Amino acid sequence: MDLNLPLILFLATAFTGVVWLIDLAFFRADRLKAVSGVEQQFASVSAEEKKEHVAYQSAIEAAAKEPTLIEYSKSFFPVLALVFVVRSFLFEPFQIPSESMLPALEVGDFIVVNKYSYGIRLPIVRTKVIDITEPKRGDVMVFFPPGDKRYFIKRVIGLPGDKIRYSNNTLWLNGEPVPNELLREEYSKPGEWCFNVRGINQVYREQLGDKSFEARKCSVPGSLSREGSWVVPEGHYFMMGDNRDNSRDSREWLFVPEQNIVGKAVAKWMHWDSFFSVPSFSRAGSL
């Protein structure tokens, strides 16, 4: 089951904040009154003597003691609130779970996603309240695919109104082939589509608008890479993985609506294969 972490974080922040406010409104005054009573009871004891006075210290501690729930809520609320604001409106970390964005992103890469680059959105409901910029061709974007509650990360290929065609591993945009240059060939691994059909992985440099990036294609195109054409409707985007023959994307589930956008992936900051491996920062850098 996929956990809704933003909702869980919101509920935890709201709960601890409400507990703190209830304490301020109804219970804190009683504790202060009890502390004042203890001070009056030991009024004859000097300030210096109070530091070593066991009975006074015990009485003050008992009078000022907060219930466990209130104590924990006051401790956790500021931290939870800070994390909630940062993750909701500024930046959020994600880990890459698949090879669909090879060679740019490997399984185990941790990326930073800018949450405000495409506009300020309300947490949970993701309604945009402030426009900033719109996605551009070639951006790496995190989003929810149509009918799916899981996060996906792909590259923006088509903007609203664009005519997209993908034929025999060649990308066409608005009637023109996207410039690409073969950089190298790589042997495929067991389990990959390319290995199963005895093909060779070929890495191309593609130029999409002002963005240049590497895309990996099999010499034997997969079913999603042979032939397809689409017109991107208003308010939607056409997304594709860089690992073209090992990616579920808009060629399968069509267009991503604007309200499903989470943010723009801007940088890799760590690589961590598994819990028992040692994290590495050798792949850190911008996207």
Protein backbone atom coordinates (compact mmCIF):
# COMPACT_ATOMS: atom_id res chain seq x y z
CA MET A 1 0.00 0.00 0.00
CA ASP A 2 1.35 3.44 -0.96
CA LEU A 3 1.44 5.85 1.97
CA ASN A 4 0.24 9.41 1.46
CA LEU A 5 3.20 11.05 3.19
CA PRO A 6 2.05 14.66 2.63
CA LEU A 7 -1.31 13.86 4.26
CA ILE A 8 0.34 12.01 7.15
CA LEU A 9 2.75 14.90 7.73
CA PHE A 10 -0.11 17.42 7.61
CA LEU A 11 -2.19 15.45 10.12
CA ALA A 12 0.78 15.03 12.48
CA THR A 13 1.56 18.75 12.28
CA ALA A 14 -2.08 19.73 12.81
CA PHE A 15 -2.53 17.33 15.73
CA THR A 16 0.55 18.46 17.65
CA GLY A 17 -0.27 22.10 16.94
CA VAL A 18 -3.86 21.74 18.20
CA VAL A 19 -2.67 19.97 21.36
CA TRP A 20 -0.23 22.82 22.00
CA LEU A 21 -2.95 25.45 21.47
CA ILE A 22 -5.39 23.62 23.77
CA ASP A 23 -2.71 23.53 26.45
CA LEU A 24 -2.09 27.27 26.08
CA ALA A 25 -5.81 28.01 26.26
CA PHE A 26 -6.91 25.73 29.09
CA PHE A 27 -4.15 24.00 31.05
CA ARG A 28 -1.03 26.15 31.14
CA ALA A 29 -2.64 28.70 33.46
CA ASP A 30 -3.37 25.98 36.06
CA ARG A 31 0.28 24.91 36.05
CA LEU A 32 1.46 28.50 36.43
CA LYS A 33 -0.97 28.96 39.31
CA ALA A 34 0.35 25.81 40.98
CA VAL A 35 3.93 27.02 40.56
CA SER A 36 2.96 30.37 42.11
CA GLY A 37 1.43 28.52 45.06
CA VAL A 38 4.66 26.59 45.61
CA GLU A 39 6.64 29.85 45.50
CA GLN A 40 4.36 31.33 48.16
CA GLN A 41 4.67 28.18 50.27
CA PHE A 42 8.46 28.48 50.25
CA ALA A 43 8.60 32.28 50.36
CA SER A 44 10.80 32.19 53.43
CA VAL A 45 13.46 30.15 51.62
CA SER A 46 16.13 32.24 49.90
CA ALA A 47 16.92 31.89 46.21
CA GLU A 48 20.28 30.29 46.97
CA GLU A 49 18.75 27.80 49.39
CA LYS A 50 16.06 26.83 46.87
CA LYS A 51 18.75 25.43 44.56
CA GLU A 52 19.55 22.74 47.12
CA HIS A 53 16.15 22.48 48.81
CA VAL A 54 14.86 18.98 47.95
CA ALA A 55 11.27 19.60 49.00
CA TYR A 56 11.07 22.85 47.04
CA GLN A 57 12.58 21.31 43.90
CA SER A 58 10.20 18.34 44.08
CA ALA A 59 7.18 20.59 44.57
CA ILE A 60 8.14 22.90 41.68
CA GLU A 61 8.79 19.97 39.36
CA ALA A 62 5.40 18.41 40.21
CA ALA A 63 3.56 21.72 39.77
CA ALA A 64 5.20 22.57 36.43
CA LYS A 65 5.14 19.04 34.98
CA GLU A 66 3.36 18.82 31.63
CA PRO A 67 1.34 15.74 30.60
CA THR A 68 3.35 13.50 28.26
CA LEU A 69 1.14 14.25 25.24
CA ILE A 70 1.54 17.99 25.70
CA GLU A 71 5.28 17.72 26.28
CA TYR A 72 5.82 15.68 23.13
CA SER A 73 3.50 17.87 21.06
CA LYS A 74 5.38 21.03 22.06
CA SER A 75 8.67 19.35 21.16
CA PHE A 76 7.59 17.91 17.80
CA PHE A 77 5.30 20.64 16.46
CA PRO A 78 8.01 23.17 15.44
CA VAL A 79 10.02 20.46 13.68
CA LEU A 80 6.99 18.98 11.93
CA ALA A 81 5.76 22.43 10.91
CA LEU A 82 9.14 23.35 9.42
CA VAL A 83 9.39 20.07 7.50
CA PHE A 84 5.80 20.43 6.28
CA VAL A 85 6.36 23.96 4.96
CA VAL A 86 9.67 23.08 3.28
CA ARG A 87 8.31 19.88 1.66
CA SER A 88 5.02 21.48 0.63
CA PHE A 89 6.21 24.78 -0.79
CA LEU A 90 9.98 24.72 -1.33
CA PHE A 91 11.86 21.46 -1.86
CA GLU A 92 11.19 17.75 -1.46
CA PRO A 93 13.56 14.78 -1.77
CA PHE A 94 12.73 11.72 -3.88
CA GLN A 95 14.54 8.45 -4.53
CA ILE A 96 14.66 6.98 -8.03
CA PRO A 97 13.01 3.51 -7.97
CA SER A 98 13.47 2.35 -11.58
CA GLU A 99 15.71 2.54 -14.65
CA SER A 100 13.24 4.51 -16.77
CA MET A 101 15.39 7.66 -16.67
CA LEU A 102 18.75 6.09 -17.51
CA PRO A 103 21.36 7.30 -18.21
CA ALA A 104 20.58 10.59 -16.41
CA LEU A 105 19.17 8.95 -13.27
CA GLU A 106 20.07 5.57 -11.80
CA VAL A 107 18.15 3.41 -9.35
CA GLY A 108 19.13 4.66 -5.88
CA ASP A 109 19.75 8.27 -6.89
CA PHE A 110 18.23 10.85 -4.54
CA ILE A 111 16.99 13.99 -6.22
CA VAL A 112 15.78 17.40 -5.06
CA VAL A 113 12.46 18.58 -6.49
CA ASN A 114 11.66 22.28 -6.61
CA LYS A 115 8.03 22.55 -5.47
CA TYR A 116 7.50 26.21 -6.43
CA SER A 117 9.15 26.33 -9.86
CA TYR A 118 5.83 25.67 -11.66
CA GLY A 119 3.73 27.68 -9.20
CA ILE A 120 2.72 27.60 -5.55
CA ARG A 121 0.21 24.84 -4.83
CA LEU A 122 -1.87 24.08 -1.78
CA PRO A 123 -0.69 20.95 0.06
CA ILE A 124 -2.69 17.74 -0.31
CA VAL A 125 -5.20 19.09 -2.87
CA ARG A 126 -2.39 20.44 -5.15
CA THR A 127 -4.49 23.40 -6.35
CA LYS A 128 -2.26 26.10 -7.85
CA VAL A 129 -2.74 29.46 -6.12
CA ILE A 130 0.20 31.45 -7.53
CA ASP A 131 1.57 31.18 -11.08
CA ILE A 132 5.34 31.38 -11.53
CA THR A 133 6.51 29.54 -14.65
CA GLU A 134 5.23 26.73 -16.86
CA PRO A 135 7.03 23.45 -17.66
CA LYS A 136 9.41 23.61 -20.62
CA ARG A 137 10.37 20.93 -23.12
CA GLY A 138 13.25 18.92 -21.74
CA ASP A 139 12.49 19.58 -18.05
CA VAL A 140 12.64 16.59 -15.71
CA MET A 141 9.36 16.61 -13.81
CA VAL A 142 7.76 14.71 -10.93
CA PHE A 143 4.02 14.13 -11.26
CA PHE A 144 1.13 11.71 -10.80
CA PRO A 145 0.13 9.82 -13.98
CA PRO A 146 -3.56 9.73 -14.89
CA GLY A 147 -5.44 7.39 -12.55
CA ASP A 148 -2.35 6.61 -10.44
CA LYS A 149 -1.49 7.86 -6.93
CA ARG A 150 2.22 7.02 -7.22
CA TYR A 151 4.92 9.57 -7.98
CA PHE A 152 6.53 9.28 -11.42
CA ILE A 153 9.52 11.12 -12.84
CA LYS A 154 9.92 11.62 -16.60
CA ARG A 155 11.04 14.26 -19.06
CA VAL A 156 8.64 16.82 -20.53
CA ILE A 157 8.46 16.10 -24.25
CA GLY A 158 5.26 17.82 -25.38
CA LEU A 159 3.56 21.03 -24.29
CA PRO A 160 -0.12 21.89 -24.79
CA GLY A 161 -0.87 21.99 -28.53
CA ASP A 162 2.26 20.07 -29.59
CA LYS A 163 2.04 17.28 -32.15
CA ILE A 164 4.18 14.33 -31.04
CA ARG A 165 5.21 11.35 -33.14
CA TYR A 166 7.48 8.50 -32.10
CA SER A 167 8.45 6.16 -34.93
CA ASN A 168 11.16 3.47 -34.81
CA ASN A 169 12.86 5.19 -31.87
CA THR A 170 12.83 8.58 -33.59
CA LEU A 171 11.08 11.47 -31.88
CA TRP A 172 9.21 14.00 -34.03
CA LEU A 173 7.96 17.31 -32.65
CA ASN A 174 5.48 19.40 -34.63
CA GLY A 175 6.44 17.72 -37.89
CA GLU A 176 10.22 17.96 -37.39
CA PRO A 177 12.57 15.20 -36.16
CA VAL A 178 14.25 16.08 -32.88
CA PRO A 179 18.01 16.40 -33.48
CA ASN A 180 19.93 13.45 -32.08
CA GLU A 181 23.49 12.15 -32.27
CA LEU A 182 24.71 8.63 -31.49
CA LEU A 183 27.25 8.82 -28.66
CA ARG A 184 27.98 5.20 -27.75
CA GLU A 185 26.67 1.66 -27.61
CA GLU A 186 26.25 -0.40 -24.44
CA TYR A 187 25.63 -4.10 -23.93
CA SER A 188 22.22 -4.85 -22.44
CA LYS A 189 21.74 -6.81 -19.22
CA PRO A 190 19.74 -10.02 -18.67
CA GLY A 191 16.12 -9.19 -18.03
CA GLU A 192 16.10 -6.07 -20.19
CA TRP A 193 13.95 -5.87 -23.31
CA CYS A 194 17.03 -5.23 -25.40
CA PHE A 195 18.80 -8.32 -24.07
CA ASN A 196 15.76 -10.52 -24.70
CA VAL A 197 15.56 -9.45 -28.36
CA ARG A 198 19.36 -9.60 -28.79
CA GLY A 199 19.66 -5.91 -29.36
CA ILE A 200 22.25 -3.32 -28.30
CA ASN A 201 21.54 -0.28 -26.16
CA GLN A 202 22.42 2.89 -28.03
CA VAL A 203 22.88 6.20 -26.22
CA TYR A 204 21.95 9.31 -28.19
CA ARG A 205 22.24 12.98 -27.39
CA GLU A 206 18.92 14.66 -28.11
CA GLN A 207 18.31 18.39 -28.38
CA LEU A 208 14.84 19.42 -27.26
CA GLY A 209 14.42 23.18 -27.29
CA ASP A 210 17.30 24.60 -25.27
CA LYS A 211 17.78 21.32 -23.37
CA SER A 212 20.39 18.75 -24.38
CA PHE A 213 20.26 15.32 -22.73
CA GLU A 214 21.14 11.66 -23.26
CA ALA A 215 18.46 9.13 -24.24
CA ARG A 216 18.97 5.38 -24.32
CA LYS A 217 17.31 3.32 -27.05
CA CYS A 218 17.46 -0.32 -28.05
CA SER A 219 18.59 -1.15 -31.58
CA VAL A 220 15.39 -3.24 -31.74
CA PRO A 221 12.54 -0.86 -30.81
CA GLY A 222 10.06 -2.02 -28.19
CA SER A 223 6.29 -1.94 -28.65
CA LEU A 224 5.99 1.65 -27.38
CA SER A 225 8.84 2.84 -29.61
CA ARG A 226 7.67 1.59 -33.01
CA GLU A 227 4.86 3.91 -34.05
CA GLY A 228 2.58 6.38 -32.33
CA SER A 229 1.30 9.93 -32.74
CA TRP A 230 -0.46 12.25 -30.33
CA VAL A 231 -1.72 15.85 -30.06
CA VAL A 232 -1.29 17.29 -26.58
CA PRO A 233 -4.54 18.90 -25.33
CA GLU A 234 -4.66 22.20 -23.46
CA GLY A 235 -3.67 21.97 -19.81
CA HIS A 236 -1.77 18.70 -20.34
CA TYR A 237 1.80 17.49 -20.95
CA PHE A 238 3.36 14.57 -22.80
CA MET A 239 5.99 12.78 -20.71
CA MET A 240 8.62 10.19 -21.68
CA GLY A 241 11.42 8.39 -19.91
CA ASP A 242 14.97 8.77 -21.20
CA ASN A 243 15.34 4.96 -21.25
CA ARG A 244 12.89 4.77 -24.12
CA ASP A 245 12.42 0.98 -24.32
CA ASN A 246 12.17 0.54 -20.54
CA SER A 247 9.71 3.24 -19.55
CA ARG A 248 5.97 3.40 -18.91
CA ASP A 249 4.97 6.91 -19.90
CA SER A 250 2.57 9.00 -21.97
CA ARG A 251 2.94 6.59 -24.89
CA GLU A 252 0.96 4.16 -22.71
CA TRP A 253 -1.24 6.27 -20.39
CA LEU A 254 -1.39 9.44 -22.49
CA PHE A 255 -1.27 12.97 -21.11
CA VAL A 256 -0.53 14.36 -17.65
CA PRO A 257 -3.00 17.06 -16.52
CA GLU A 258 -1.55 20.26 -15.10
CA GLN A 259 -3.05 19.64 -11.65
CA ASN A 260 -1.05 16.40 -11.35
CA ILE A 261 2.30 18.22 -11.40
CA VAL A 262 4.38 17.90 -8.22
CA GLY A 263 7.50 19.86 -9.15
CA LYS A 264 10.66 20.20 -11.19
CA ALA A 265 13.62 17.91 -10.51
CA VAL A 266 16.65 20.20 -10.24
CA ALA A 267 19.55 18.20 -8.80
CA LYS A 268 20.95 14.84 -7.71
CA TRP A 269 22.39 15.03 -4.21
CA MET A 270 23.12 11.43 -3.15
CA HIS A 271 23.22 7.85 -4.38
CA TRP A 272 22.29 5.02 -2.00
CA ASP A 273 21.79 1.54 -3.43
CA SER A 274 20.40 -0.14 -0.32
CA PHE A 275 20.14 0.21 3.46
CA PHE A 276 23.28 -1.85 3.97
CA SER A 277 25.39 0.02 1.42
CA VAL A 278 27.39 3.21 1.92
CA PRO A 279 25.81 6.41 0.51
CA SER A 280 27.83 8.15 -2.18
CA PHE A 281 27.87 11.78 -3.31
CA SER A 282 29.92 11.17 -6.46
CA ARG A 283 26.84 11.58 -8.67
CA ALA A 284 25.75 14.86 -7.10
CA GLY A 285 25.00 17.62 -9.57
CA SER A 286 22.32 19.52 -11.42
CA LEU A 287 19.85 17.98 -13.85
